[in-house]
Amino acid sequence: CAASGSKISIITMNWYRQAPGNQRELVATS
């Protein structure tokens, strides 16, 4: 997951997933 922009920094990050018929699920967070 690549972020584009000038003078930026990643502070926190999350990965979610959503399977058919399911709610969005938080998979990993930092």
PDB file of all heavy atoms in Angstrom:
ATOM      1  N   CYS A   1       0.864  -1.168   0.000  1.00  0.00           N
ATOM      2  CA  CYS A   1       0.000   0.000   0.000  1.00  0.00           C
ATOM      3  C   CYS A   1       0.903   1.221   0.000  1.00  0.00           C
ATOM      4  O   CYS A   1       1.461   1.590   1.041  1.00  0.00           O
ATOM      5  CB  CYS A   1      -0.922  -0.034   1.220  1.00  0.00           C
ATOM      6  SG  CYS A   1      -2.052   1.351   1.358  1.00  0.00           S
ATOM      7  N   ALA A   2       1.052   1.821  -1.153  1.00  0.00           N
ATOM      8  CA  ALA A   2       1.985   2.918  -1.331  1.00  0.00           C
ATOM      9  C   ALA A   2       1.259   4.250  -1.272  1.00  0.00           C
ATOM     10  O   ALA A   2       0.272   4.465  -1.980  1.00  0.00           O
ATOM     11  CB  ALA A   2       2.720   2.780  -2.655  1.00  0.00           C
ATOM     12  N   ALA A   3       1.753   5.135  -0.451  1.00  0.00           N
ATOM     13  CA  ALA A   3       1.193   6.472  -0.311  1.00  0.00           C
ATOM     14  C   ALA A   3       1.970   7.453  -1.163  1.00  0.00           C
ATOM     15  O   ALA A   3       3.206   7.457  -1.150  1.00  0.00           O
ATOM     16  CB  ALA A   3       1.214   6.917   1.145  1.00  0.00           C
ATOM     17  N   SER A   4       1.240   8.264  -1.891  1.00  0.00           N
ATOM     18  CA  SER A   4       1.860   9.284  -2.716  1.00  0.00           C
ATOM     19  C   SER A   4       1.530  10.657  -2.155  1.00  0.00           C
ATOM     20  O   SER A   4       0.405  10.910  -1.707  1.00  0.00           O
ATOM     21  CB  SER A   4       1.400   9.180  -4.168  1.00  0.00           C
ATOM     22  OG  SER A   4      -0.001   9.392  -4.282  1.00  0.00           O
ATOM     23  N   GLY A   5       2.488  11.516  -2.204  1.00  0.00           N
ATOM     24  CA  GLY A   5       2.332  12.860  -1.696  1.00  0.00           C
ATOM     25  C   GLY A   5       3.677  13.420  -1.298  1.00  0.00           C
ATOM     26  O   GLY A   5       4.660  12.687  -1.171  1.00  0.00           O
ATOM     27  N   SER A   6       3.710  14.696  -1.099  1.00  0.00           N
ATOM     28  CA  SER A   6       4.950  15.356  -0.727  1.00  0.00           C
ATOM     29  C   SER A   6       4.973  15.635   0.771  1.00  0.00           C
ATOM     30  O   SER A   6       3.946  15.977   1.375  1.00  0.00           O
ATOM     31  CB  SER A   6       5.126  16.658  -1.512  1.00  0.00           C
ATOM     32  OG  SER A   6       4.070  17.567  -1.240  1.00  0.00           O
ATOM     33  N   LYS A   7       6.132  15.451   1.352  1.00  0.00           N
ATOM     34  CA  LYS A   7       6.358  15.765   2.761  1.00  0.00           C
ATOM     35  C   LYS A   7       5.341  15.093   3.664  1.00  0.00           C
ATOM     36  O   LYS A   7       4.676  15.730   4.490  1.00  0.00           O
ATOM     37  CB  LYS A   7       6.341  17.276   2.966  1.00  0.00           C
ATOM     38  CG  LYS A   7       7.376  18.021   2.144  1.00  0.00           C
ATOM     39  CD  LYS A   7       7.284  19.521   2.366  1.00  0.00           C
ATOM     40  CE  LYS A   7       8.301  20.264   1.520  1.00  0.00           C
ATOM     41  NZ  LYS A   7       8.205  21.737   1.702  1.00  0.00           N
ATOM     42  N   ILE A   8       5.219  13.798   3.507  1.00  0.00           N
ATOM     43  CA  ILE A   8       4.278  13.031   4.305  1.00  0.00           C
ATOM     44  C   ILE A   8       5.007  11.943   5.079  1.00  0.00           C
ATOM     45  O   ILE A   8       6.124  11.559   4.739  1.00  0.00           O
ATOM     46  CB  ILE A   8       3.180  12.398   3.434  1.00  0.00           C
ATOM     47  CG1 ILE A   8       3.792  11.422   2.428  1.00  0.00           C
ATOM     48  CG2 ILE A   8       2.380  13.473   2.720  1.00  0.00           C
ATOM     49  CD1 ILE A   8       2.770  10.625   1.658  1.00  0.00           C
ATOM     50  N   SER A   9       4.351  11.467   6.104  1.00  0.00           N
ATOM     51  CA  SER A   9       4.866  10.352   6.876  1.00  0.00           C
ATOM     52  C   SER A   9       3.694   9.526   7.382  1.00  0.00           C
ATOM     53  O   SER A   9       2.644  10.066   7.720  1.00  0.00           O
ATOM     54  CB  SER A   9       5.729  10.831   8.047  1.00  0.00           C
ATOM     55  OG  SER A   9       4.973  11.635   8.936  1.00  0.00           O
ATOM     56  N   ILE A  10       3.884   8.241   7.429  1.00  0.00           N
ATOM     57  CA  ILE A  10       2.848   7.340   7.914  1.00  0.00           C
ATOM     58  C   ILE A  10       2.903   7.288   9.429  1.00  0.00           C
ATOM     59  O   ILE A  10       3.936   6.974  10.016  1.00  0.00           O
ATOM     60  CB  ILE A  10       3.023   5.937   7.319  1.00  0.00           C
ATOM     61  CG1 ILE A  10       2.861   5.997   5.797  1.00  0.00           C
ATOM     62  CG2 ILE A  10       2.030   4.966   7.934  1.00  0.00           C
ATOM     63  CD1 ILE A  10       3.161   4.702   5.095  1.00  0.00           C
ATOM     64  N   ILE A  11       1.774   7.590  10.049  1.00  0.00           N
ATOM     65  CA  ILE A  11       1.708   7.619  11.500  1.00  0.00           C
ATOM     66  C   ILE A  11       1.158   6.311  12.050  1.00  0.00           C
ATOM     67  O   ILE A  11       1.777   5.667  12.897  1.00  0.00           O
ATOM     68  CB  ILE A  11       0.856   8.808  11.976  1.00  0.00           C
ATOM     69  CG1 ILE A  11       1.486  10.126  11.493  1.00  0.00           C
ATOM     70  CG2 ILE A  11       0.732   8.801  13.498  1.00  0.00           C
ATOM     71  CD1 ILE A  11       0.636  11.346  11.775  1.00  0.00           C
ATOM     72  N   THR A  12      -0.012   5.940  11.594  1.00  0.00           N
ATOM     73  CA  THR A  12      -0.600   4.674  11.979  1.00  0.00           C
ATOM     74  C   THR A  12      -1.053   3.950  10.727  1.00  0.00           C
ATOM     75  O   THR A  12      -1.280   4.564   9.686  1.00  0.00           O
ATOM     76  CB  THR A  12      -1.789   4.832  12.937  1.00  0.00           C
ATOM     77  OG1 THR A  12      -2.845   5.542  12.272  1.00  0.00           O
ATOM     78  CG2 THR A  12      -1.372   5.601  14.185  1.00  0.00           C
ATOM     79  N   MET A  13      -1.213   2.652  10.833  1.00  0.00           N
ATOM     80  CA  MET A  13      -1.591   1.866   9.679  1.00  0.00           C
ATOM     81  C   MET A  13      -2.512   0.729  10.093  1.00  0.00           C
ATOM     82  O   MET A  13      -2.378   0.168  11.183  1.00  0.00           O
ATOM     83  CB  MET A  13      -0.352   1.320   8.966  1.00  0.00           C
ATOM     84  CG  MET A  13       0.624   0.605   9.879  1.00  0.00           C
ATOM     85  SD  MET A  13       2.165   0.173   9.025  1.00  0.00           S
ATOM     86  CE  MET A  13       3.089  -0.554  10.369  1.00  0.00           C
ATOM     87  N   ASN A  14      -3.414   0.414   9.199  1.00  0.00           N
ATOM     88  CA  ASN A  14      -4.386  -0.641   9.430  1.00  0.00           C
ATOM     89  C   ASN A  14      -4.627  -1.399   8.134  1.00  0.00           C
ATOM     90  O   ASN A  14      -4.551  -0.833   7.042  1.00  0.00           O
ATOM     91  CB  ASN A  14      -5.728  -0.082   9.915  1.00  0.00           C
ATOM     92  CG  ASN A  14      -5.590   0.880  11.069  1.00  0.00           C
ATOM     93  OD1 ASN A  14      -5.304   0.475  12.193  1.00  0.00           O
ATOM     94  ND2 ASN A  14      -5.788   2.165  10.800  1.00  0.00           N
ATOM     95  N   TRP A  15      -4.930  -2.659   8.284  1.00  0.00           N
ATOM     96  CA  TRP A  15      -5.413  -3.467   7.184  1.00  0.00           C
ATOM     97  C   TRP A  15      -6.769  -4.045   7.560  1.00  0.00           C
ATOM     98  O   TRP A  15      -6.927  -4.625   8.639  1.00  0.00           O
ATOM     99  CB  TRP A  15      -4.456  -4.605   6.841  1.00  0.00           C
ATOM    100  CG  TRP A  15      -3.248  -4.166   6.082  1.00  0.00           C
ATOM    101  CD1 TRP A  15      -2.028  -3.868   6.584  1.00  0.00           C
ATOM    102  CD2 TRP A  15      -3.157  -4.000   4.655  1.00  0.00           C
ATOM    103  NE1 TRP A  15      -1.167  -3.519   5.579  1.00  0.00           N
ATOM    104  CE2 TRP A  15      -1.834  -3.592   4.383  1.00  0.00           C
ATOM    105  CE3 TRP A  15      -4.049  -4.159   3.595  1.00  0.00           C
ATOM    106  CZ2 TRP A  15      -1.387  -3.337   3.076  1.00  0.00           C
ATOM    107  CZ3 TRP A  15      -3.609  -3.905   2.309  1.00  0.00           C
ATOM    108  CH2 TRP A  15      -2.294  -3.497   2.063  1.00  0.00           C
ATOM    109  N   TYR A  16      -7.720  -3.872   6.674  1.00  0.00           N
ATOM    110  CA  TYR A  16      -9.055  -4.431   6.823  1.00  0.00           C
ATOM    111  C   TYR A  16      -9.305  -5.422   5.699  1.00  0.00           C
ATOM    112  O   TYR A  16      -8.623  -5.405   4.672  1.00  0.00           O
ATOM    113  CB  TYR A  16     -10.121  -3.345   6.757  1.00  0.00           C
ATOM    114  CG  TYR A  16     -10.154  -2.374   7.920  1.00  0.00           C
ATOM    115  CD1 TYR A  16      -9.319  -1.267   7.952  1.00  0.00           C
ATOM    116  CD2 TYR A  16     -11.045  -2.560   8.973  1.00  0.00           C
ATOM    117  CE1 TYR A  16      -9.364  -0.368   8.998  1.00  0.00           C
ATOM    118  CE2 TYR A  16     -11.101  -1.666  10.024  1.00  0.00           C
ATOM    119  CZ  TYR A  16     -10.257  -0.567  10.032  1.00  0.00           C
ATOM    120  OH  TYR A  16     -10.312   0.334  11.073  1.00  0.00           O
ATOM    121  N   ARG A  17     -10.301  -6.247   5.900  1.00  0.00           N
ATOM    122  CA  ARG A  17     -10.762  -7.101   4.825  1.00  0.00           C
ATOM    123  C   ARG A  17     -12.265  -7.282   4.924  1.00  0.00           C
ATOM    124  O   ARG A  17     -12.850  -7.154   5.993  1.00  0.00           O
ATOM    125  CB  ARG A  17     -10.061  -8.458   4.833  1.00  0.00           C
ATOM    126  CG  ARG A  17     -10.427  -9.358   6.008  1.00  0.00           C
ATOM    127  CD  ARG A  17      -9.588 -10.626   5.969  1.00  0.00           C
ATOM    128  NE  ARG A  17      -9.924 -11.545   7.048  1.00  0.00           N
ATOM    129  CZ  ARG A  17      -9.256 -12.650   7.326  1.00  0.00           C
ATOM    130  NH1 ARG A  17      -8.192 -12.984   6.591  1.00  0.00           N
ATOM    131  NH2 ARG A  17      -9.633 -13.429   8.330  1.00  0.00           N
ATOM    132  N   GLN A  18     -12.850  -7.578   3.792  1.00  0.00           N
ATOM    133  CA  GLN A  18     -14.279  -7.805   3.738  1.00  0.00           C
ATOM    134  C   GLN A  18     -14.562  -8.938   2.769  1.00  0.00           C
ATOM    135  O   GLN A  18     -14.263  -8.833   1.579  1.00  0.00           O
ATOM    136  CB  GLN A  18     -15.034  -6.543   3.322  1.00  0.00           C
ATOM    137  CG  GLN A  18     -16.540  -6.683   3.413  1.00  0.00           C
ATOM    138  CD  GLN A  18     -17.257  -5.353   3.306  1.00  0.00           C
ATOM    139  OE1 GLN A  18     -16.661  -4.343   2.923  1.00  0.00           O
ATOM    140  NE2 GLN A  18     -18.526  -5.331   3.654  1.00  0.00           N
ATOM    141  N   ALA A  19     -15.124  -9.995   3.300  1.00  0.00           N
ATOM    142  CA  ALA A  19     -15.531 -11.127   2.493  1.00  0.00           C
ATOM    143  C   ALA A  19     -16.989 -10.957   2.089  1.00  0.00           C
ATOM    144  O   ALA A  19     -17.752 -10.244   2.749  1.00  0.00           O
ATOM    145  CB  ALA A  19     -15.337 -12.431   3.261  1.00  0.00           C
ATOM    146  N   PRO A  20     -17.413 -11.598   1.013  1.00  0.00           N
ATOM    147  CA  PRO A  20     -18.802 -11.474   0.578  1.00  0.00           C
ATOM    148  C   PRO A  20     -19.782 -11.832   1.682  1.00  0.00           C
ATOM    149  O   PRO A  20     -19.658 -12.873   2.333  1.00  0.00           O
ATOM    150  CB  PRO A  20     -18.896 -12.462  -0.582  1.00  0.00           C
ATOM    151  CG  PRO A  20     -17.506 -12.543  -1.117  1.00  0.00           C
ATOM    152  CD  PRO A  20     -16.623 -12.434   0.088  1.00  0.00           C
ATOM    153  N   GLY A  21     -20.739 -10.946   1.911  1.00  0.00           N
ATOM    154  CA  GLY A  21     -21.744 -11.168   2.927  1.00  0.00           C
ATOM    155  C   GLY A  21     -21.318 -10.864   4.335  1.00  0.00           C
ATOM    156  O   GLY A  21     -22.127 -11.005   5.263  1.00  0.00           O
ATOM    157  N   ASN A  22     -20.077 -10.470   4.525  1.00  0.00           N
ATOM    158  CA  ASN A  22     -19.558 -10.196   5.861  1.00  0.00           C
ATOM    159  C   ASN A  22     -19.319  -8.714   6.067  1.00  0.00           C
ATOM    160  O   ASN A  22     -19.193  -7.937   5.120  1.00  0.00           O
ATOM    161  CB  ASN A  22     -18.251 -10.950   6.094  1.00  0.00           C
ATOM    162  CG  ASN A  22     -18.437 -12.449   6.196  1.00  0.00           C
ATOM    163  OD1 ASN A  22     -19.562 -12.950   6.123  1.00  0.00           O
ATOM    164  ND2 ASN A  22     -17.337 -13.165   6.359  1.00  0.00           N
ATOM    165  N   GLN A  23     -19.235  -8.343   7.332  1.00  0.00           N
ATOM    166  CA  GLN A  23     -18.849  -6.994   7.680  1.00  0.00           C
ATOM    167  C   GLN A  23     -17.348  -6.820   7.501  1.00  0.00           C
ATOM    168  O   GLN A  23     -16.584  -7.793   7.507  1.00  0.00           O
ATOM    169  CB  GLN A  23     -19.242  -6.684   9.128  1.00  0.00           C
ATOM    170  CG  GLN A  23     -20.735  -6.624   9.374  1.00  0.00           C
ATOM    171  CD  GLN A  23     -21.359  -5.418   8.722  1.00  0.00           C
ATOM    172  OE1 GLN A  23     -20.843  -4.308   8.787  1.00  0.00           O
ATOM    173  NE2 GLN A  23     -22.494  -5.636   8.067  1.00  0.00           N
ATOM    174  N   ARG A  24     -16.947  -5.600   7.345  1.00  0.00           N
ATOM    175  CA  ARG A  24     -15.531  -5.291   7.256  1.00  0.00           C
ATOM    176  C   ARG A  24     -14.842  -5.661   8.561  1.00  0.00           C
ATOM    177  O   ARG A  24     -15.315  -5.326   9.653  1.00  0.00           O
ATOM    178  CB  ARG A  24     -15.330  -3.810   6.948  1.00  0.00           C
ATOM    179  CG  ARG A  24     -13.882  -3.418   6.694  1.00  0.00           C
ATOM    180  CD  ARG A  24     -13.771  -1.938   6.401  1.00  0.00           C
ATOM    181  NE  ARG A  24     -14.215  -1.132   7.527  1.00  0.00           N
ATOM    182  CZ  ARG A  24     -14.287   0.192   7.524  1.00  0.00           C
ATOM    183  NH1 ARG A  24     -13.951   0.872   6.430  1.00  0.00           N
ATOM    184  NH2 ARG A  24     -14.701   0.839   8.600  1.00  0.00           N
ATOM    185  N   GLU A  25     -13.725  -6.326   8.459  1.00  0.00           N
ATOM    186  CA  GLU A  25     -12.998  -6.845   9.605  1.00  0.00           C
ATOM    187  C   GLU A  25     -11.627  -6.199   9.685  1.00  0.00           C
ATOM    188  O   GLU A  25     -10.900  -6.133   8.689  1.00  0.00           O
ATOM    189  CB  GLU A  25     -12.848  -8.367   9.492  1.00  0.00           C
ATOM    190  CG  GLU A  25     -11.998  -9.007  10.576  1.00  0.00           C
ATOM    191  CD  GLU A  25     -11.693 -10.464  10.303  1.00  0.00           C
ATOM    192  OE1 GLU A  25     -11.835 -10.893   9.136  1.00  0.00           O
ATOM    193  OE2 GLU A  25     -11.326 -11.185  11.248  1.00  0.00           O
ATOM    194  N   LEU A  26     -11.267  -5.753  10.864  1.00  0.00           N
ATOM    195  CA  LEU A  26      -9.925  -5.245  11.093  1.00  0.00           C
ATOM    196  C   LEU A  26      -8.984  -6.428  11.242  1.00  0.00           C
ATOM    197  O   LEU A  26      -9.128  -7.235  12.164  1.00  0.00           O
ATOM    198  CB  LEU A  26      -9.884  -4.359  12.331  1.00  0.00           C
ATOM    199  CG  LEU A  26      -8.519  -3.776  12.706  1.00  0.00           C
ATOM    200  CD1 LEU A  26      -7.994  -2.858  11.600  1.00  0.00           C
ATOM    201  CD2 LEU A  26      -8.606  -3.013  14.023  1.00  0.00           C
ATOM    202  N   VAL A  27      -8.015  -6.499  10.370  1.00  0.00           N
ATOM    203  CA  VAL A  27      -7.085  -7.620  10.342  1.00  0.00           C
ATOM    204  C   VAL A  27      -5.841  -7.332  11.168  1.00  0.00           C
ATOM    205  O   VAL A  27      -5.374  -8.182  11.935  1.00  0.00           O
ATOM    206  CB  VAL A  27      -6.693  -7.959   8.890  1.00  0.00           C
ATOM    207  CG1 VAL A  27      -5.619  -9.043   8.855  1.00  0.00           C
ATOM    208  CG2 VAL A  27      -7.925  -8.398   8.112  1.00  0.00           C
ATOM    209  N   ALA A  28      -5.279  -6.145  11.003  1.00  0.00           N
ATOM    210  CA  ALA A  28      -4.048  -5.788  11.681  1.00  0.00           C
ATOM    211  C   ALA A  28      -3.986  -4.289  11.840  1.00  0.00           C
ATOM    212  O   ALA A  28      -4.449  -3.539  10.975  1.00  0.00           O
ATOM    213  CB  ALA A  28      -2.825  -6.287  10.910  1.00  0.00           C
ATOM    214  N   THR A  29      -3.405  -3.848  12.936  1.00  0.00           N
ATOM    215  CA  THR A  29      -3.283  -2.426  13.186  1.00  0.00           C
ATOM    216  C   THR A  29      -1.988  -2.144  13.923  1.00  0.00           C
ATOM    217  O   THR A  29      -1.534  -2.949  14.745  1.00  0.00           O
ATOM    218  CB  THR A  29      -4.478  -1.888  13.993  1.00  0.00           C
ATOM    219  OG1 THR A  29      -4.360  -0.473  14.164  1.00  0.00           O
ATOM    220  CG2 THR A  29      -4.563  -2.552  15.362  1.00  0.00           C
ATOM    221  N   SER A  30      -1.404  -1.013  13.623  1.00  0.00           N
ATOM    222  CA  SER A  30      -0.182  -0.568  14.277  1.00  0.00           C
ATOM    223  C   SER A  30      -0.350   0.898  14.633  1.00  0.00           C
ATOM    224  O   SER A  30      -0.602   1.729  13.756  1.00  0.00           O
ATOM    225  CB  SER A  30       1.034  -0.763  13.375  1.00  0.00           C
ATOM    226  OG  SER A  30       2.219  -0.313  14.010  1.00  0.00           O
TER     227      SER A  30
END
